[in-house]
Amino acid sequence: MSEGLVECVPNFSEGKNSDIIQKITESITDIEGITLLDVDSSEDFNRTVISFVGSPKVVLEAAINCTKKGIELIDMTNHTGEHARMGAVDVVPFIPINNSSMDECISLANEFALHIGNELKIPVYLYANAARHSERKLLPIIRKGEYEGLKEKIIQEEWKPDEGPQEFIPKSGAIATGARSVLIAFNINLNTDNKSEANKIAGLLRTSGVLKKDQLGNKILDDSGKPKRIPGKFSFLQAAGWMYDKTTAQVSMNLLNYSETGMHTIMEEIKKEAAKLNLTVTAGELVGLVPLNALIDSGNFYHSNPSSASIEELVDSAIKGLMLDKLNEFNTKKRIIEWAAN
């Protein structure tokens, strides 16, 4: 068996200064054995997301290296941006890809947290599958209050960091690290410019569903005063209505576990719900990269004879069935994690 492949996707609170972004990127590519997959910067969010893969050992080394560089170059006291954040190096997740396990990535997250906490003296919280406390599994909960609220939050006993000092560091804030499954950002366009139609479909599908309302449109509350919800059809799915452009609404989604809720399952269900609204699906869109197995799963669904098809043929069937080639050319050598890493 070949050595395992792990992905790391650190998020940095800098999306405007190209020199800083370049230096952080170089601190990753300087590590032998690392393959850089993507660098995605947003000026509005003032945030950069970098994706890279390699063996567990070199990925950990690169994660530590870029975190040091980010802490050195980014000053949170001057930071503004639309994206939620609590630190200069905001979140560093480790993701199993090929021949690697979630347990291995949990170990990487713990090693990373221990190193950063001890050497850099930065507060570190563990989340997702690496969380040491049940209330810290969800990243938005850890980030609640963001950087501006961290000074008061961090001194509370229930928010003592998992590693590093229980202290507010104005320049750097705090870091979250963890182990999670591959997140697939998959969007589906509709032949309408009405975002509310996309929202209706999103509410039916997403795990959290929609708010329960009475005949007057008022929220129905439970005994504790919290709004009741009608659960959506699928697990491990986040979804919302969005606009692809001025004339095209889309259902924008994050698939948190494609083994449980696959892209083809979502595509076919959205086609059904769109038809009920006299709409049609016009295209599928992937943001970032996708694991090979996710496309093979969809290829097995869309191919007429999957048992005799090659991997390349299954991938091609998936691309056509998911309509991933409608907006732009879908370059498999750049868009599939395992193939981009070779």
Protein backbone atom coordinates (compact mmCIF):
# COMPACT_ATOMS: atom_id res chain seq x y z
CA MET A 1 0.00 0.00 0.00
CA SER A 2 1.33 3.44 -0.91
CA GLU A 3 1.90 6.10 1.73
CA GLY A 4 -1.26 7.91 2.74
CA LEU A 5 -2.30 11.23 1.27
CA VAL A 6 -3.58 13.98 3.55
CA GLU A 7 -5.00 17.37 2.58
CA CYS A 8 -4.62 20.54 4.64
CA VAL A 9 -6.67 23.69 3.98
CA PRO A 10 -5.44 26.55 6.19
CA ASN A 11 -7.40 29.82 6.17
CA PHE A 12 -5.48 33.08 6.62
CA SER A 13 -6.97 36.46 7.54
CA GLU A 14 -5.35 38.23 4.60
CA GLY A 15 -6.83 38.55 1.13
CA LYS A 16 -5.50 41.88 -0.11
CA ASN A 17 -1.72 42.00 0.32
CA SER A 18 -0.31 39.87 -2.50
CA ASP A 19 3.21 40.00 -1.06
CA ILE A 20 2.08 38.47 2.23
CA ILE A 21 -0.02 35.85 0.42
CA GLN A 22 2.97 34.94 -1.77
CA LYS A 23 5.30 34.55 1.23
CA ILE A 24 2.80 32.33 3.04
CA THR A 25 2.36 30.22 -0.10
CA GLU A 26 6.12 29.87 -0.50
CA SER A 27 6.41 28.69 3.11
CA ILE A 28 4.25 25.74 2.03
CA THR A 29 5.86 24.94 -1.31
CA ASP A 30 9.33 25.14 0.29
CA ILE A 31 8.55 21.82 2.00
CA GLU A 32 9.71 18.90 -0.13
CA GLY A 33 6.91 16.45 -0.95
CA ILE A 34 4.09 19.00 -0.85
CA THR A 35 1.77 19.52 -3.81
CA LEU A 36 0.00 22.89 -3.89
CA LEU A 37 -3.56 22.47 -5.15
CA ASP A 38 -5.17 25.89 -4.87
CA VAL A 39 -4.74 29.44 -3.54
CA ASP A 40 -8.04 31.30 -3.28
CA SER A 41 -7.99 34.92 -2.05
CA SER A 42 -10.94 37.26 -1.53
CA GLU A 43 -10.51 40.98 -0.98
CA ASP A 44 -14.05 41.40 0.37
CA PHE A 45 -13.57 38.57 2.86
CA ASN A 46 -9.94 39.68 3.37
CA ARG A 47 -9.12 36.00 3.54
CA THR A 48 -6.99 33.44 1.70
CA VAL A 49 -7.67 29.70 1.63
CA ILE A 50 -4.77 27.49 0.55
CA SER A 51 -5.12 23.78 -0.27
CA PHE A 52 -2.19 21.37 -0.35
CA VAL A 53 -1.58 17.63 -0.06
CA GLY A 54 1.22 15.23 0.81
CA SER A 55 2.12 12.45 3.19
CA PRO A 56 1.05 13.03 6.81
CA LYS A 57 4.55 13.93 7.99
CA VAL A 58 5.25 16.57 5.34
CA VAL A 59 1.73 18.01 5.54
CA LEU A 60 2.20 18.58 9.27
CA GLU A 61 5.56 20.24 8.61
CA ALA A 62 4.03 22.52 5.96
CA ALA A 63 1.07 23.37 8.20
CA ILE A 64 3.38 24.43 11.01
CA ASN A 65 5.62 26.35 8.60
CA CYS A 66 2.82 28.39 7.02
CA THR A 67 1.24 29.04 10.41
CA LYS A 68 4.50 30.52 11.66
CA LYS A 69 4.71 32.70 8.56
CA GLY A 70 1.07 33.81 8.89
CA ILE A 71 1.52 34.70 12.56
CA GLU A 72 4.66 36.66 11.66
CA LEU A 73 3.15 38.68 8.80
CA ILE A 74 -0.54 39.24 9.67
CA ASP A 75 -1.65 41.79 12.26
CA MET A 76 -5.24 41.27 13.41
CA THR A 77 -5.43 44.67 15.09
CA ASN A 78 -5.76 46.15 11.58
CA HIS A 79 -7.97 43.45 10.06
CA THR A 80 -11.46 43.96 8.65
CA GLY A 81 -13.41 41.62 6.38
CA GLU A 82 -16.80 40.07 5.79
CA HIS A 83 -15.86 36.49 6.69
CA ALA A 84 -16.11 35.25 10.29
CA ARG A 85 -12.65 34.94 11.87
CA MET A 86 -10.89 34.90 15.22
CA GLY A 87 -7.22 34.81 14.29
CA ALA A 88 -4.49 35.64 11.80
CA VAL A 89 -4.28 31.95 10.96
CA ASP A 90 -7.95 31.26 11.53
CA VAL A 91 -8.43 27.54 10.96
CA VAL A 92 -6.16 24.64 9.95
CA PRO A 93 -8.09 21.43 9.13
CA PHE A 94 -6.52 18.07 8.25
CA ILE A 95 -8.46 15.84 5.84
CA PRO A 96 -7.87 12.16 4.97
CA ILE A 97 -7.74 11.52 1.21
CA ASN A 98 -6.12 8.25 0.06
CA ASN A 99 -4.80 5.46 2.30
CA SER A 100 -5.08 7.74 5.33
CA SER A 101 -7.62 7.68 8.14
CA MET A 102 -9.58 10.12 10.23
CA ASP A 103 -7.70 8.88 13.31
CA GLU A 104 -4.43 9.77 11.60
CA CYS A 105 -5.71 13.28 10.89
CA ILE A 106 -6.91 13.65 14.47
CA SER A 107 -3.35 12.84 15.58
CA LEU A 108 -1.99 15.45 13.15
CA ALA A 109 -4.36 18.10 14.53
CA ASN A 110 -3.26 17.30 18.08
CA GLU A 111 0.44 17.44 17.14
CA PHE A 112 -0.12 20.72 15.33
CA ALA A 113 -2.00 22.23 18.29
CA LEU A 114 0.67 21.14 20.78
CA HIS A 115 3.48 22.56 18.65
CA ILE A 116 1.80 25.90 17.96
CA GLY A 117 0.64 26.28 21.56
CA ASN A 118 4.03 25.49 23.05
CA GLU A 119 6.39 27.12 20.53
CA LEU A 120 4.43 30.13 19.33
CA LYS A 121 2.41 30.61 22.52
CA ILE A 122 -0.81 31.02 20.53
CA PRO A 123 -4.17 29.77 21.91
CA VAL A 124 -5.43 26.77 19.92
CA TYR A 125 -8.89 25.15 19.90
CA LEU A 126 -9.56 21.65 18.54
CA TYR A 127 -12.77 21.14 16.57
CA ALA A 128 -14.71 18.62 14.44
CA ASN A 129 -13.47 15.04 14.88
CA ALA A 130 -10.48 16.23 16.90
CA ALA A 131 -12.61 18.14 19.45
CA ARG A 132 -11.85 17.33 23.09
CA HIS A 133 -15.13 18.88 24.22
CA SER A 134 -18.51 18.14 22.65
CA GLU A 135 -19.45 21.82 22.55
CA ARG A 136 -16.41 22.55 20.39
CA LYS A 137 -17.22 20.21 17.50
CA LEU A 138 -18.74 23.00 15.38
CA LEU A 139 -16.38 25.69 14.14
CA PRO A 140 -19.03 28.48 14.21
CA ILE A 141 -19.50 27.86 17.94
CA ILE A 142 -15.78 28.25 18.59
CA ARG A 143 -15.70 31.38 16.41
CA LYS A 144 -18.77 32.96 18.01
CA GLY A 145 -17.94 36.53 19.01
CA GLU A 146 -15.08 36.47 16.50
CA TYR A 147 -11.79 38.27 17.04
CA GLU A 148 -13.49 41.30 18.60
CA GLY A 149 -15.08 39.19 21.35
CA LEU A 150 -12.10 36.93 21.98
CA LYS A 151 -10.53 39.08 24.72
CA GLU A 152 -13.50 38.53 27.04
CA LYS A 153 -14.34 35.01 25.84
CA ILE A 154 -10.93 33.43 26.26
CA ILE A 155 -10.68 34.17 29.99
CA GLN A 156 -13.86 32.21 30.71
CA GLU A 157 -13.15 28.75 32.13
CA GLU A 158 -15.38 27.02 29.56
CA TRP A 159 -13.31 28.62 26.76
CA LYS A 160 -9.86 27.78 28.04
CA PRO A 161 -7.83 26.83 24.93
CA ASP A 162 -6.98 23.18 24.33
CA GLU A 163 -3.34 24.15 23.85
CA GLY A 164 -1.41 27.37 24.35
CA PRO A 165 -2.00 30.19 26.81
CA GLN A 166 -5.38 31.27 28.13
CA GLU A 167 -4.56 34.76 27.00
CA PHE A 168 -5.73 37.21 24.33
CA ILE A 169 -2.92 37.90 21.84
CA PRO A 170 -4.03 41.10 20.02
CA LYS A 171 -1.77 40.66 16.99
CA SER A 172 -2.60 37.01 16.32
CA GLY A 173 -5.88 36.09 18.03
CA ALA A 174 -6.51 32.35 18.26
CA ILE A 175 -6.38 29.32 15.95
CA ALA A 176 -8.78 26.42 15.41
CA THR A 177 -7.48 23.11 14.12
CA GLY A 178 -9.17 19.79 13.61
CA ALA A 179 -9.81 16.75 11.45
CA ARG A 180 -12.77 16.56 9.13
CA SER A 181 -14.03 14.81 6.03
CA VAL A 182 -13.65 16.37 2.59
CA LEU A 183 -16.10 19.23 2.11
CA ILE A 184 -17.45 19.50 -1.43
CA ALA A 185 -18.74 22.91 -2.49
CA PHE A 186 -21.33 22.03 -5.14
CA ASN A 187 -23.78 24.50 -6.67
CA ILE A 188 -26.66 23.90 -9.08
CA ASN A 189 -27.98 26.63 -11.38
CA LEU A 190 -31.65 27.10 -12.29
CA ASN A 191 -33.31 28.83 -15.25
CA THR A 192 -34.65 31.67 -13.13
CA ASP A 193 -33.49 34.99 -11.73
CA ASN A 194 -35.67 34.52 -8.64
CA LYS A 195 -33.44 33.66 -5.67
CA SER A 196 -36.45 32.80 -3.50
CA GLU A 197 -37.17 29.79 -5.73
CA ALA A 198 -33.66 28.50 -5.10
CA ASN A 199 -34.16 29.18 -1.39
CA LYS A 200 -37.31 27.08 -1.35
CA ILE A 201 -35.47 24.12 -2.80
CA ALA A 202 -32.49 24.63 -0.47
CA GLY A 203 -34.78 24.62 2.57
CA LEU A 204 -36.35 21.31 1.56
CA LEU A 205 -32.99 19.60 1.09
CA ARG A 206 -30.57 20.92 3.73
CA THR A 207 -30.14 19.08 7.00
CA SER A 208 -31.34 22.01 9.12
CA GLY A 209 -34.53 22.35 7.06
CA VAL A 210 -36.74 25.38 7.59
CA LEU A 211 -38.43 27.18 10.46
CA LYS A 212 -41.86 25.92 11.44
CA LYS A 213 -44.48 28.66 11.13
CA ASP A 214 -48.16 29.05 11.91
CA GLN A 215 -50.90 30.11 9.48
CA LEU A 216 -50.01 33.77 10.01
CA GLY A 217 -46.37 33.18 9.18
CA ASN A 218 -45.13 33.50 12.75
CA LYS A 219 -42.38 31.23 14.09
CA ILE A 220 -43.55 28.38 16.29
CA LEU A 221 -41.50 28.08 19.47
CA ASP A 222 -40.83 25.04 21.65
CA ASP A 223 -41.17 24.96 25.45
CA SER A 224 -37.73 26.52 25.90
CA GLY A 225 -38.55 29.39 23.54
CA LYS A 226 -36.45 28.16 20.63
CA PRO A 227 -37.92 28.13 17.09
CA LYS A 228 -39.07 24.72 15.89
CA ARG A 229 -37.74 23.45 12.57
CA ILE A 230 -38.93 21.07 9.86
CA PRO A 231 -35.87 18.91 9.03
CA GLY A 232 -34.65 18.72 5.45
CA LYS A 233 -34.39 15.56 3.34
CA PHE A 234 -30.66 14.96 3.56
CA SER A 235 -27.99 14.57 6.21
CA PHE A 236 -24.61 16.31 6.10
CA LEU A 237 -25.89 19.02 3.76
CA GLN A 238 -25.75 22.80 4.04
CA ALA A 239 -27.67 24.73 1.39
CA ALA A 240 -28.98 28.19 0.56
CA GLY A 241 -30.39 30.08 -2.38
CA TRP A 242 -27.85 32.34 -4.09
CA MET A 243 -27.32 34.24 -7.32
CA TYR A 244 -24.76 32.94 -9.80
CA ASP A 245 -25.18 36.11 -11.84
CA LYS A 246 -27.92 38.72 -12.37
CA THR A 247 -30.09 36.32 -14.38
CA THR A 248 -29.32 32.95 -12.76
CA ALA A 249 -30.32 31.73 -9.32
CA GLN A 250 -28.55 28.72 -7.85
CA VAL A 251 -28.79 26.32 -4.95
CA SER A 252 -25.42 26.75 -3.25
CA MET A 253 -24.32 23.79 -1.11
CA ASN A 254 -21.65 22.24 1.07
CA LEU A 255 -21.66 18.44 1.12
CA LEU A 256 -20.08 17.54 4.46
CA ASN A 257 -20.02 13.78 3.87
CA TYR A 258 -20.35 12.73 0.22
CA SER A 259 -20.45 9.05 1.19
CA GLU A 260 -23.77 9.69 2.93
CA THR A 261 -25.15 12.38 0.62
CA GLY A 262 -23.61 12.26 -2.86
CA MET A 263 -23.61 14.88 -5.60
CA HIS A 264 -25.78 12.76 -7.93
CA THR A 265 -28.38 12.29 -5.20
CA ILE A 266 -28.60 16.04 -4.74
CA MET A 267 -28.65 16.73 -8.47
CA GLU A 268 -31.56 14.36 -9.10
CA GLU A 269 -33.57 15.67 -6.16
CA ILE A 270 -33.10 19.28 -7.25
CA LYS A 271 -34.28 18.35 -10.74
CA LYS A 272 -37.48 16.95 -9.21
CA GLU A 273 -38.11 19.95 -6.96
CA ALA A 274 -37.31 22.38 -9.77
CA ALA A 275 -39.84 20.66 -12.04
CA LYS A 276 -42.53 21.22 -9.41
CA LEU A 277 -41.81 24.95 -9.76
CA ASN A 278 -41.78 24.72 -13.58
CA LEU A 279 -38.01 25.23 -13.57
CA THR A 280 -35.09 23.25 -14.98
CA VAL A 281 -31.49 22.72 -13.94
CA THR A 282 -29.06 24.39 -16.34
CA ALA A 283 -25.63 23.61 -14.87
CA GLY A 284 -23.64 22.20 -12.00
CA GLU A 285 -20.66 24.02 -10.50
CA LEU A 286 -17.84 22.81 -8.28
CA VAL A 287 -15.94 25.37 -6.22
CA GLY A 288 -12.42 24.14 -5.55
CA LEU A 289 -11.37 20.52 -5.87
CA VAL A 290 -13.23 17.23 -5.47
CA PRO A 291 -12.06 13.78 -4.31
CA LEU A 292 -11.91 11.09 -7.00
CA ASN A 293 -14.22 8.72 -5.11
CA ALA A 294 -16.99 11.33 -5.08
CA LEU A 295 -16.97 11.43 -8.88
CA ILE A 296 -16.71 7.64 -9.14
CA ASP A 297 -19.81 7.34 -6.94
CA SER A 298 -21.70 9.65 -9.28
CA GLY A 299 -20.26 7.92 -12.34
CA ASN A 300 -21.61 4.60 -11.08
CA PHE A 301 -25.04 6.24 -10.93
CA TYR A 302 -24.97 7.90 -14.35
CA HIS A 303 -23.06 5.35 -16.47
CA SER A 304 -25.23 2.88 -18.39
CA ASN A 305 -22.91 -0.06 -17.59
CA PRO A 306 -20.72 0.93 -14.63
CA SER A 307 -19.47 -2.58 -13.87
CA SER A 308 -17.50 -2.64 -17.14
CA ALA A 309 -16.47 1.02 -17.20
CA SER A 310 -12.97 2.31 -16.52
CA ILE A 311 -12.33 4.93 -13.86
CA GLU A 312 -11.88 7.54 -16.60
CA GLU A 313 -15.23 6.58 -18.14
CA LEU A 314 -16.97 6.77 -14.77
CA VAL A 315 -15.49 10.22 -14.18
CA ASP A 316 -16.64 11.36 -17.62
CA SER A 317 -20.17 10.09 -16.93
CA ALA A 318 -20.19 11.94 -13.62
CA ILE A 319 -19.10 15.19 -15.23
CA LYS A 320 -21.87 14.94 -17.82
CA GLY A 321 -24.55 13.77 -15.36
CA LEU A 322 -23.68 16.49 -12.85
CA MET A 323 -23.49 19.05 -15.70
CA LEU A 324 -20.05 20.19 -14.54
CA ASP A 325 -18.97 21.04 -18.09
CA LYS A 326 -21.83 23.44 -18.85
CA LEU A 327 -20.29 26.62 -17.45
CA ASN A 328 -16.62 25.99 -18.20
CA GLU A 329 -14.32 23.19 -19.26
CA PHE A 330 -13.83 20.74 -16.38
CA ASN A 331 -10.11 19.93 -16.26
CA THR A 332 -9.84 16.63 -14.37
CA LYS A 333 -6.09 17.00 -13.92
CA LYS A 334 -6.61 20.21 -11.97
CA ARG A 335 -10.00 19.64 -10.33
CA ILE A 336 -9.69 16.11 -8.89
CA ILE A 337 -7.56 16.08 -5.74
CA GLU A 338 -5.72 12.81 -6.37
CA TRP A 339 -5.00 13.59 -10.04
CA ALA A 340 -3.89 17.14 -9.29
CA ALA A 341 -1.48 15.74 -6.71
CA ASN A 342 0.36 13.56 -9.27
